[in-house]
PDB file of all heavy atoms in Angstrom:
ATOM      1  N   VAL A   1      58.826  87.513 155.156  1.00  0.00           N
ATOM      2  CA  VAL A   1      57.652  86.713 154.975  1.00  0.00           C
ATOM      3  C   VAL A   1      56.653  87.510 154.182  1.00  0.00           C
ATOM      4  O   VAL A   1      56.362  88.708 154.467  1.00  0.00           O
ATOM      5  CB  VAL A   1      57.051  86.290 156.330  1.00  0.00           C
ATOM      6  CG1 VAL A   1      55.757  85.513 156.114  1.00  0.00           C
ATOM      7  CG2 VAL A   1      58.027  85.457 157.121  1.00  0.00           C
ATOM      8  N   SER A   2      56.106  86.863 153.122  1.00  0.00           N
ATOM      9  CA  SER A   2      55.129  87.520 152.215  1.00  0.00           C
ATOM     10  C   SER A   2      53.852  86.689 152.181  1.00  0.00           C
ATOM     11  O   SER A   2      53.856  85.490 152.411  1.00  0.00           O
ATOM     12  CB  SER A   2      55.648  87.717 150.830  1.00  0.00           C
ATOM     13  OG  SER A   2      56.905  88.426 150.882  1.00  0.00           O
ATOM     14  N   CYS A   3      52.741  87.360 151.882  1.00  0.00           N
ATOM     15  CA  CYS A   3      51.485  86.662 151.773  1.00  0.00           C
ATOM     16  C   CYS A   3      50.668  87.176 150.621  1.00  0.00           C
ATOM     17  O   CYS A   3      50.594  88.388 150.399  1.00  0.00           O
ATOM     18  CB  CYS A   3      50.672  86.913 153.121  1.00  0.00           C
ATOM     19  SG  CYS A   3      48.993  86.252 153.058  1.00  0.00           S
ATOM     20  N   ARG A   4      50.059  86.279 149.877  1.00  0.00           N
ATOM     21  CA  ARG A   4      49.137  86.584 148.792  1.00  0.00           C
ATOM     22  C   ARG A   4      47.952  85.689 148.950  1.00  0.00           C
ATOM     23  O   ARG A   4      47.918  84.585 148.429  1.00  0.00           O
ATOM     24  CB  ARG A   4      49.849  86.430 147.458  1.00  0.00           C
ATOM     25  CG  ARG A   4      48.964  86.843 146.252  1.00  0.00           C
ATOM     26  CD  ARG A   4      49.748  86.753 144.975  1.00  0.00           C
ATOM     27  NE  ARG A   4      50.913  87.657 144.978  1.00  0.00           N
ATOM     28  CZ  ARG A   4      51.955  87.596 144.120  1.00  0.00           C
ATOM     29  NH1 ARG A   4      51.947  86.647 143.201  1.00  0.00           N
ATOM     30  NH2 ARG A   4      52.918  88.451 144.201  1.00  0.00           N
ATOM     31  N   ASN A   5      46.962  86.182 149.649  1.00  0.00           N
ATOM     32  CA  ASN A   5      45.788  85.446 149.969  1.00  0.00           C
ATOM     33  C   ASN A   5      46.175  84.182 150.780  1.00  0.00           C
ATOM     34  O   ASN A   5      46.719  84.326 151.881  1.00  0.00           O
ATOM     35  CB  ASN A   5      44.970  85.107 148.716  1.00  0.00           C
ATOM     36  CG  ASN A   5      43.496  84.809 149.035  1.00  0.00           C
ATOM     37  OD1 ASN A   5      42.988  85.283 150.050  1.00  0.00           O
ATOM     38  ND2 ASN A   5      42.851  84.125 148.146  1.00  0.00           N
ATOM     39  N   LEU A   6      45.934  82.987 150.258  1.00  0.00           N
ATOM     40  CA  LEU A   6      46.245  81.768 151.018  1.00  0.00           C
ATOM     41  C   LEU A   6      47.706  81.369 150.951  1.00  0.00           C
ATOM     42  O   LEU A   6      48.151  80.539 151.725  1.00  0.00           O
ATOM     43  CB  LEU A   6      45.387  80.621 150.522  1.00  0.00           C
ATOM     44  CG  LEU A   6      43.865  80.730 150.784  1.00  0.00           C
ATOM     45  CD1 LEU A   6      43.141  79.635 150.128  1.00  0.00           C
ATOM     46  CD2 LEU A   6      43.586  80.739 152.279  1.00  0.00           C
ATOM     47  N   ARG A   7      48.472  81.883 149.997  1.00  0.00           N
ATOM     48  CA  ARG A   7      49.855  81.500 149.805  1.00  0.00           C
ATOM     49  C   ARG A   7      50.739  82.370 150.695  1.00  0.00           C
ATOM     50  O   ARG A   7      50.696  83.618 150.668  1.00  0.00           O
ATOM     51  CB  ARG A   7      50.251  81.660 148.374  1.00  0.00           C
ATOM     52  CG  ARG A   7      51.689  81.206 148.092  1.00  0.00           C
ATOM     53  CD  ARG A   7      52.026  81.110 146.613  1.00  0.00           C
ATOM     54  NE  ARG A   7      53.379  80.718 146.428  1.00  0.00           N
ATOM     55  CZ  ARG A   7      54.373  81.581 146.089  1.00  0.00           C
ATOM     56  NH1 ARG A   7      54.137  82.834 145.929  1.00  0.00           N
ATOM     57  NH2 ARG A   7      55.623  81.113 145.918  1.00  0.00           N
ATOM     58  N   VAL A   8      51.550  81.696 151.531  1.00  0.00           N
ATOM     59  CA  VAL A   8      52.490  82.318 152.431  1.00  0.00           C
ATOM     60  C   VAL A   8      53.842  81.759 152.200  1.00  0.00           C
ATOM     61  O   VAL A   8      54.029  80.543 152.132  1.00  0.00           O
ATOM     62  CB  VAL A   8      52.072  82.133 153.954  1.00  0.00           C
ATOM     63  CG1 VAL A   8      52.997  82.907 154.836  1.00  0.00           C
ATOM     64  CG2 VAL A   8      50.626  82.503 154.154  1.00  0.00           C
ATOM     65  N   TRP A   9      54.839  82.624 152.064  1.00  0.00           N
ATOM     66  CA  TRP A   9      56.250  82.144 151.848  1.00  0.00           C
ATOM     67  C   TRP A   9      57.250  83.071 152.458  1.00  0.00           C
ATOM     68  O   TRP A   9      56.944  84.259 152.744  1.00  0.00           O
ATOM     69  CB  TRP A   9      56.519  81.971 150.339  1.00  0.00           C
ATOM     70  CG  TRP A   9      56.666  83.261 149.540  1.00  0.00           C
ATOM     71  CD1 TRP A   9      57.767  83.907 149.229  1.00  0.00           C
ATOM     72  CD2 TRP A   9      55.559  84.045 149.051  1.00  0.00           C
ATOM     73  NE1 TRP A   9      57.549  85.051 148.521  1.00  0.00           N
ATOM     74  CE2 TRP A   9      56.122  85.131 148.374  1.00  0.00           C
ATOM     75  CE3 TRP A   9      54.167  83.941 149.038  1.00  0.00           C
ATOM     76  CZ2 TRP A   9      55.367  86.122 147.755  1.00  0.00           C
ATOM     77  CZ3 TRP A   9      53.430  84.908 148.431  1.00  0.00           C
ATOM     78  CH2 TRP A   9      54.036  85.949 147.782  1.00  0.00           C
ATOM     79  N   VAL A  10      58.430  82.559 152.717  1.00  0.00           N
ATOM     80  CA  VAL A  10      59.552  83.325 153.213  1.00  0.00           C
ATOM     81  C   VAL A  10      60.659  83.361 152.183  1.00  0.00           C
ATOM     82  O   VAL A  10      60.915  82.365 151.488  1.00  0.00           O
ATOM     83  CB  VAL A  10      60.059  82.748 154.550  1.00  0.00           C
ATOM     84  CG1 VAL A  10      60.550  81.323 154.386  1.00  0.00           C
ATOM     85  CG2 VAL A  10      61.172  83.654 155.166  1.00  0.00           C
ATOM     86  N   SER A  11      61.327  84.474 152.014  1.00  0.00           N
ATOM     87  CA  SER A  11      62.454  84.619 151.077  1.00  0.00           C
ATOM     88  C   SER A  11      63.573  85.355 151.735  1.00  0.00           C
ATOM     89  O   SER A  11      63.436  86.012 152.745  1.00  0.00           O
ATOM     90  CB  SER A  11      61.942  85.367 149.837  1.00  0.00           C
ATOM     91  OG  SER A  11      61.529  86.667 150.172  1.00  0.00           O
ATOM     92  N   TRP A  12      64.767  85.205 151.099  1.00  0.00           N
ATOM     93  CA  TRP A  12      65.978  85.840 151.673  1.00  0.00           C
ATOM     94  C   TRP A  12      66.998  85.996 150.558  1.00  0.00           C
ATOM     95  O   TRP A  12      66.861  85.518 149.446  1.00  0.00           O
ATOM     96  CB  TRP A  12      66.585  84.947 152.813  1.00  0.00           C
ATOM     97  CG  TRP A  12      66.879  83.546 152.356  1.00  0.00           C
ATOM     98  CD1 TRP A  12      68.049  83.112 151.818  1.00  0.00           C
ATOM     99  CD2 TRP A  12      66.007  82.430 152.433  1.00  0.00           C
ATOM    100  NE1 TRP A  12      67.936  81.736 151.535  1.00  0.00           N
ATOM    101  CE2 TRP A  12      66.706  81.317 151.882  1.00  0.00           C
ATOM    102  CE3 TRP A  12      64.702  82.214 152.822  1.00  0.00           C
ATOM    103  CZ2 TRP A  12      66.143  80.037 151.816  1.00  0.00           C
ATOM    104  CZ3 TRP A  12      64.148  80.983 152.764  1.00  0.00           C
ATOM    105  CH2 TRP A  12      64.871  79.912 152.258  1.00  0.00           C
ATOM    106  N   GLU A  13      68.124  86.649 150.879  1.00  0.00           N
ATOM    107  CA  GLU A  13      69.240  86.875 150.012  1.00  0.00           C
ATOM    108  C   GLU A  13      70.470  86.290 150.619  1.00  0.00           C
ATOM    109  O   GLU A  13      70.601  86.193 151.865  1.00  0.00           O
ATOM    110  CB  GLU A  13      69.438  88.355 149.702  1.00  0.00           C
ATOM    111  CG  GLU A  13      68.206  89.033 149.044  1.00  0.00           C
ATOM    112  CD  GLU A  13      68.406  90.518 148.862  1.00  0.00           C
ATOM    113  OE1 GLU A  13      69.455  91.037 149.300  1.00  0.00           O
ATOM    114  OE2 GLU A  13      67.499  91.191 148.269  1.00  0.00           O
ATOM    115  N   PHE A  14      71.444  85.931 149.753  1.00  0.00           N
ATOM    116  CA  PHE A  14      72.661  85.331 150.270  1.00  0.00           C
ATOM    117  C   PHE A  14      73.788  85.773 149.318  1.00  0.00           C
ATOM    118  O   PHE A  14      73.678  85.622 148.113  1.00  0.00           O
ATOM    119  CB  PHE A  14      72.593  83.808 150.321  1.00  0.00           C
ATOM    120  CG  PHE A  14      73.722  83.142 151.048  1.00  0.00           C
ATOM    121  CD1 PHE A  14      73.966  83.365 152.379  1.00  0.00           C
ATOM    122  CD2 PHE A  14      74.584  82.375 150.349  1.00  0.00           C
ATOM    123  CE1 PHE A  14      75.053  82.761 153.030  1.00  0.00           C
ATOM    124  CE2 PHE A  14      75.728  81.784 150.949  1.00  0.00           C
ATOM    125  CZ  PHE A  14      75.910  81.956 152.323  1.00  0.00           C
ATOM    126  N   SER A  15      74.910  86.282 149.865  1.00  0.00           N
ATOM    127  CA  SER A  15      75.961  86.910 149.038  1.00  0.00           C
ATOM    128  C   SER A  15      77.018  85.897 148.622  1.00  0.00           C
ATOM    129  O   SER A  15      77.733  86.181 147.657  1.00  0.00           O
ATOM    130  CB  SER A  15      76.639  88.064 149.834  1.00  0.00           C
ATOM    131  OG  SER A  15      77.162  87.554 151.092  1.00  0.00           O
ATOM    132  N   ASP A  16      77.188  84.783 149.320  1.00  0.00           N
ATOM    133  CA  ASP A  16      78.309  83.858 149.030  1.00  0.00           C
ATOM    134  C   ASP A  16      77.736  82.518 148.598  1.00  0.00           C
ATOM    135  O   ASP A  16      78.001  81.470 149.170  1.00  0.00           O
ATOM    136  CB  ASP A  16      79.155  83.723 150.283  1.00  0.00           C
ATOM    137  CG  ASP A  16      80.455  82.914 149.999  1.00  0.00           C
ATOM    138  OD1 ASP A  16      80.870  82.886 148.814  1.00  0.00           O
ATOM    139  OD2 ASP A  16      80.974  82.311 150.923  1.00  0.00           O
ATOM    140  N   GLN A  17      76.964  82.517 147.489  1.00  0.00           N
ATOM    141  CA  GLN A  17      76.352  81.312 147.014  1.00  0.00           C
ATOM    142  C   GLN A  17      77.408  80.394 146.376  1.00  0.00           C
ATOM    143  O   GLN A  17      78.185  80.849 145.524  1.00  0.00           O
ATOM    144  CB  GLN A  17      75.256  81.608 145.975  1.00  0.00           C
ATOM    145  CG  GLN A  17      74.557  80.394 145.491  1.00  0.00           C
ATOM    146  CD  GLN A  17      73.618  79.795 146.556  1.00  0.00           C
ATOM    147  OE1 GLN A  17      73.130  80.500 147.431  1.00  0.00           O
ATOM    148  NE2 GLN A  17      73.430  78.491 146.461  1.00  0.00           N
ATOM    149  N   GLN A  18      77.458  79.124 146.775  1.00  0.00           N
ATOM    150  CA  GLN A  18      78.392  78.149 146.271  1.00  0.00           C
ATOM    151  C   GLN A  18      77.617  76.876 145.936  1.00  0.00           C
ATOM    152  O   GLN A  18      76.447  76.721 146.327  1.00  0.00           O
ATOM    153  CB  GLN A  18      79.490  77.826 147.332  1.00  0.00           C
ATOM    154  CG  GLN A  18      80.374  79.042 147.613  1.00  0.00           C
ATOM    155  CD  GLN A  18      81.502  78.709 148.584  1.00  0.00           C
ATOM    156  OE1 GLN A  18      81.776  77.540 148.795  1.00  0.00           O
ATOM    157  NE2 GLN A  18      82.183  79.728 149.097  1.00  0.00           N
ATOM    158  N   PRO A  19      78.229  75.924 145.152  1.00  0.00           N
ATOM    159  CA  PRO A  19      77.536  74.723 144.706  1.00  0.00           C
ATOM    160  C   PRO A  19      76.878  73.946 145.839  1.00  0.00           C
ATOM    161  O   PRO A  19      75.796  73.363 145.640  1.00  0.00           O
ATOM    162  CB  PRO A  19      78.587  73.928 143.975  1.00  0.00           C
ATOM    163  CG  PRO A  19      79.601  74.928 143.528  1.00  0.00           C
ATOM    164  CD  PRO A  19      79.599  76.005 144.587  1.00  0.00           C
ATOM    165  N   HIS A  20      77.482  73.888 146.969  1.00  0.00           N
ATOM    166  CA  HIS A  20      76.965  73.035 148.092  1.00  0.00           C
ATOM    167  C   HIS A  20      76.319  73.861 149.227  1.00  0.00           C
ATOM    168  O   HIS A  20      76.220  73.383 150.325  1.00  0.00           O
ATOM    169  CB  HIS A  20      78.126  72.197 148.693  1.00  0.00           C
ATOM    170  CG  HIS A  20      78.783  71.290 147.686  1.00  0.00           C
ATOM    171  ND1 HIS A  20      78.134  70.188 147.145  1.00  0.00           N
ATOM    172  CD2 HIS A  20      79.989  71.364 147.064  1.00  0.00           C
ATOM    173  CE1 HIS A  20      78.938  69.554 146.278  1.00  0.00           C
ATOM    174  NE2 HIS A  20      80.088  70.273 146.188  1.00  0.00           N
ATOM    175  N   THR A  21      75.838  75.021 148.865  1.00  0.00           N
ATOM    176  CA  THR A  21      75.149  75.854 149.909  1.00  0.00           C
ATOM    177  C   THR A  21      73.684  75.470 150.000  1.00  0.00           C
ATOM    178  O   THR A  21      72.984  75.301 149.035  1.00  0.00           O
ATOM    179  CB  THR A  21      75.236  77.334 149.457  1.00  0.00           C
ATOM    180  OG1 THR A  21      76.627  77.707 149.349  1.00  0.00           O
ATOM    181  CG2 THR A  21      74.567  78.220 150.537  1.00  0.00           C
ATOM    182  N   SER A  22      73.199  75.339 151.232  1.00  0.00           N
ATOM    183  CA  SER A  22      71.802  75.042 151.486  1.00  0.00           C
ATOM    184  C   SER A  22      71.355  75.906 152.681  1.00  0.00           C
ATOM    185  O   SER A  22      72.207  76.554 153.324  1.00  0.00           O
ATOM    186  CB  SER A  22      71.564  73.579 151.789  1.00  0.00           C
ATOM    187  OG  SER A  22      72.335  73.197 152.909  1.00  0.00           O
ATOM    188  N   PHE A  23      70.045  75.877 152.959  1.00  0.00           N
ATOM    189  CA  PHE A  23      69.536  76.747 154.016  1.00  0.00           C
ATOM    190  C   PHE A  23      68.556  75.916 154.867  1.00  0.00           C
ATOM    191  O   PHE A  23      67.720  75.199 154.335  1.00  0.00           O
ATOM    192  CB  PHE A  23      68.802  77.959 153.425  1.00  0.00           C
ATOM    193  CG  PHE A  23      69.711  78.778 152.514  1.00  0.00           C
ATOM    194  CD1 PHE A  23      69.733  78.563 151.160  1.00  0.00           C
ATOM    195  CD2 PHE A  23      70.490  79.769 153.034  1.00  0.00           C
ATOM    196  CE1 PHE A  23      70.534  79.279 150.293  1.00  0.00           C
ATOM    197  CE2 PHE A  23      71.286  80.559 152.207  1.00  0.00           C
ATOM    198  CZ  PHE A  23      71.334  80.298 150.877  1.00  0.00           C
ATOM    199  N   ARG A  24      68.638  76.137 156.136  1.00  0.00           N
ATOM    200  CA  ARG A  24      67.770  75.557 157.131  1.00  0.00           C
ATOM    201  C   ARG A  24      66.651  76.526 157.464  1.00  0.00           C
ATOM    202  O   ARG A  24      66.925  77.642 157.872  1.00  0.00           O
ATOM    203  CB  ARG A  24      68.464  75.048 158.366  1.00  0.00           C
ATOM    204  CG  ARG A  24      67.516  74.332 159.331  1.00  0.00           C
ATOM    205  CD  ARG A  24      68.302  73.648 160.458  1.00  0.00           C
ATOM    206  NE  ARG A  24      69.093  74.603 161.237  1.00  0.00           N
ATOM    207  CZ  ARG A  24      70.441  74.530 161.339  1.00  0.00           C
ATOM    208  NH1 ARG A  24      71.106  73.567 160.725  1.00  0.00           N
ATOM    209  NH2 ARG A  24      71.098  75.382 162.107  1.00  0.00           N
ATOM    210  N   VAL A  25      65.401  76.084 157.276  1.00  0.00           N
ATOM    211  CA  VAL A  25      64.258  76.988 157.560  1.00  0.00           C
ATOM    212  C   VAL A  25      63.477  76.407 158.789  1.00  0.00           C
ATOM    213  O   VAL A  25      63.072  75.241 158.783  1.00  0.00           O
ATOM    214  CB  VAL A  25      63.313  77.055 156.331  1.00  0.00           C
ATOM    215  CG1 VAL A  25      62.089  77.912 156.634  1.00  0.00           C
ATOM    216  CG2 VAL A  25      64.054  77.548 155.124  1.00  0.00           C
ATOM    217  N   GLU A  26      63.311  77.243 159.793  1.00  0.00           N
ATOM    218  CA  GLU A  26      62.660  76.823 161.033  1.00  0.00           C
ATOM    219  C   GLU A  26      61.442  77.788 161.253  1.00  0.00           C
ATOM    220  O   GLU A  26      61.591  78.993 161.198  1.00  0.00           O
ATOM    221  CB  GLU A  26      63.582  76.937 162.204  1.00  0.00           C
ATOM    222  CG  GLU A  26      64.787  76.066 162.057  1.00  0.00           C
ATOM    223  CD  GLU A  26      65.804  76.305 163.224  1.00  0.00           C
ATOM    224  OE1 GLU A  26      66.625  77.215 163.059  1.00  0.00           O
ATOM    225  OE2 GLU A  26      65.731  75.615 164.228  1.00  0.00           O
ATOM    226  N   ILE A  27      60.292  77.175 161.485  1.00  0.00           N
ATOM    227  CA  ILE A  27      59.081  77.905 161.785  1.00  0.00           C
ATOM    228  C   ILE A  27      58.818  77.772 163.245  1.00  0.00           C
ATOM    229  O   ILE A  27      58.549  76.657 163.704  1.00  0.00           O
ATOM    230  CB  ILE A  27      57.888  77.427 160.933  1.00  0.00           C
ATOM    231  CG1 ILE A  27      58.179  77.528 159.437  1.00  0.00           C
ATOM    232  CG2 ILE A  27      56.639  78.279 161.271  1.00  0.00           C
ATOM    233  CD1 ILE A  27      57.091  76.976 158.565  1.00  0.00           C
ATOM    234  N   GLN A  28      58.816  78.854 163.937  1.00  0.00           N
ATOM    235  CA  GLN A  28      58.513  78.842 165.377  1.00  0.00           C
ATOM    236  C   GLN A  28      57.113  79.471 165.536  1.00  0.00           C
ATOM    237  O   GLN A  28      56.883  80.596 165.159  1.00  0.00           O
ATOM    238  CB  GLN A  28      59.528  79.634 166.168  1.00  0.00           C
ATOM    239  CG  GLN A  28      60.940  78.989 166.138  1.00  0.00           C
ATOM    240  CD  GLN A  28      61.963  79.777 166.899  1.00  0.00           C
ATOM    241  OE1 GLN A  28      61.909  81.019 166.929  1.00  0.00           O
ATOM    242  NE2 GLN A  28      62.922  79.124 167.478  1.00  0.00           N
ATOM    243  N   SER A  29      56.192  78.694 166.082  1.00  0.00           N
ATOM    244  CA  SER A  29      54.798  79.066 166.113  1.00  0.00           C
ATOM    245  C   SER A  29      54.247  78.900 167.508  1.00  0.00           C
ATOM    246  O   SER A  29      54.790  78.199 168.377  1.00  0.00           O
ATOM    247  CB  SER A  29      53.959  78.172 165.142  1.00  0.00           C
ATOM    248  OG  SER A  29      52.586  78.439 165.279  1.00  0.00           O
ATOM    249  N   SER A  30      53.146  79.613 167.764  1.00  0.00           N
ATOM    250  CA  SER A  30      52.456  79.457 169.061  1.00  0.00           C
ATOM    251  C   SER A  30      51.804  78.123 169.202  1.00  0.00           C
ATOM    252  O   SER A  30      51.433  77.729 170.298  1.00  0.00           O
ATOM    253  CB  SER A  30      51.436  80.584 169.225  1.00  0.00           C
ATOM    254  OG  SER A  30      50.448  80.514 168.190  1.00  0.00           O
ATOM    255  N   ASN A  31      51.696  77.418 168.068  1.00  0.00           N
ATOM    256  CA  ASN A  31      51.022  76.107 168.108  1.00  0.00           C
ATOM    257  C   ASN A  31      51.837  75.010 167.403  1.00  0.00           C
ATOM    258  O   ASN A  31      51.269  74.005 166.964  1.00  0.00           O
ATOM    259  CB  ASN A  31      49.641  76.191 167.428  1.00  0.00           C
ATOM    260  CG  ASN A  31      48.667  77.089 168.159  1.00  0.00           C
ATOM    261  OD1 ASN A  31      48.505  78.235 167.783  1.00  0.00           O
ATOM    262  ND2 ASN A  31      48.101  76.646 169.281  1.00  0.00           N
ATOM    263  N   GLY A  32      53.158  75.137 167.349  1.00  0.00           N
ATOM    264  CA  GLY A  32      53.951  74.101 166.802  1.00  0.00           C
ATOM    265  C   GLY A  32      55.296  74.573 166.261  1.00  0.00           C
ATOM    266  O   GLY A  32      55.611  75.775 166.350  1.00  0.00           O
ATOM    267  N   TYR A  33      56.100  73.610 165.870  1.00  0.00           N
ATOM    268  CA  TYR A  33      57.446  73.863 165.364  1.00  0.00           C
ATOM    269  C   TYR A  33      57.641  73.039 164.105  1.00  0.00           C
ATOM    270  O   TYR A  33      57.271  71.906 164.015  1.00  0.00           O
ATOM    271  CB  TYR A  33      58.507  73.523 166.446  1.00  0.00           C
ATOM    272  CG  TYR A  33      59.936  73.626 165.927  1.00  0.00           C
ATOM    273  CD1 TYR A  33      60.565  74.866 165.929  1.00  0.00           C
ATOM    274  CD2 TYR A  33      60.634  72.500 165.571  1.00  0.00           C
ATOM    275  CE1 TYR A  33      61.901  74.991 165.502  1.00  0.00           C
ATOM    276  CE2 TYR A  33      61.980  72.581 165.120  1.00  0.00           C
ATOM    277  CZ  TYR A  33      62.567  73.836 165.066  1.00  0.00           C
ATOM    278  OH  TYR A  33      63.840  73.933 164.649  1.00  0.00           O
ATOM    279  N   PHE A  34      58.376  73.668 163.111  1.00  0.00           N
ATOM    280  CA  PHE A  34      58.591  72.993 161.835  1.00  0.00           C
ATOM    281  C   PHE A  34      60.019  73.328 161.352  1.00  0.00           C
ATOM    282  O   PHE A  34      60.455  74.493 161.518  1.00  0.00           O
ATOM    283  CB  PHE A  34      57.566  73.414 160.787  1.00  0.00           C
ATOM    284  CG  PHE A  34      57.808  72.816 159.442  1.00  0.00           C
ATOM    285  CD1 PHE A  34      57.371  71.492 159.183  1.00  0.00           C
ATOM    286  CD2 PHE A  34      58.391  73.545 158.455  1.00  0.00           C
ATOM    287  CE1 PHE A  34      57.550  70.976 157.916  1.00  0.00           C
ATOM    288  CE2 PHE A  34      58.628  72.978 157.177  1.00  0.00           C
ATOM    289  CZ  PHE A  34      58.171  71.706 156.934  1.00  0.00           C
TER     290      PHE A  34
END
């Protein structure tokens, strides 16, 4: 997770990238879930 002032984002790496590869991102928070 990185932050630049108001902008916050998460990034990752993946070694076996294929045409139909996708990623599920889940935010677990003290005040909600996304």
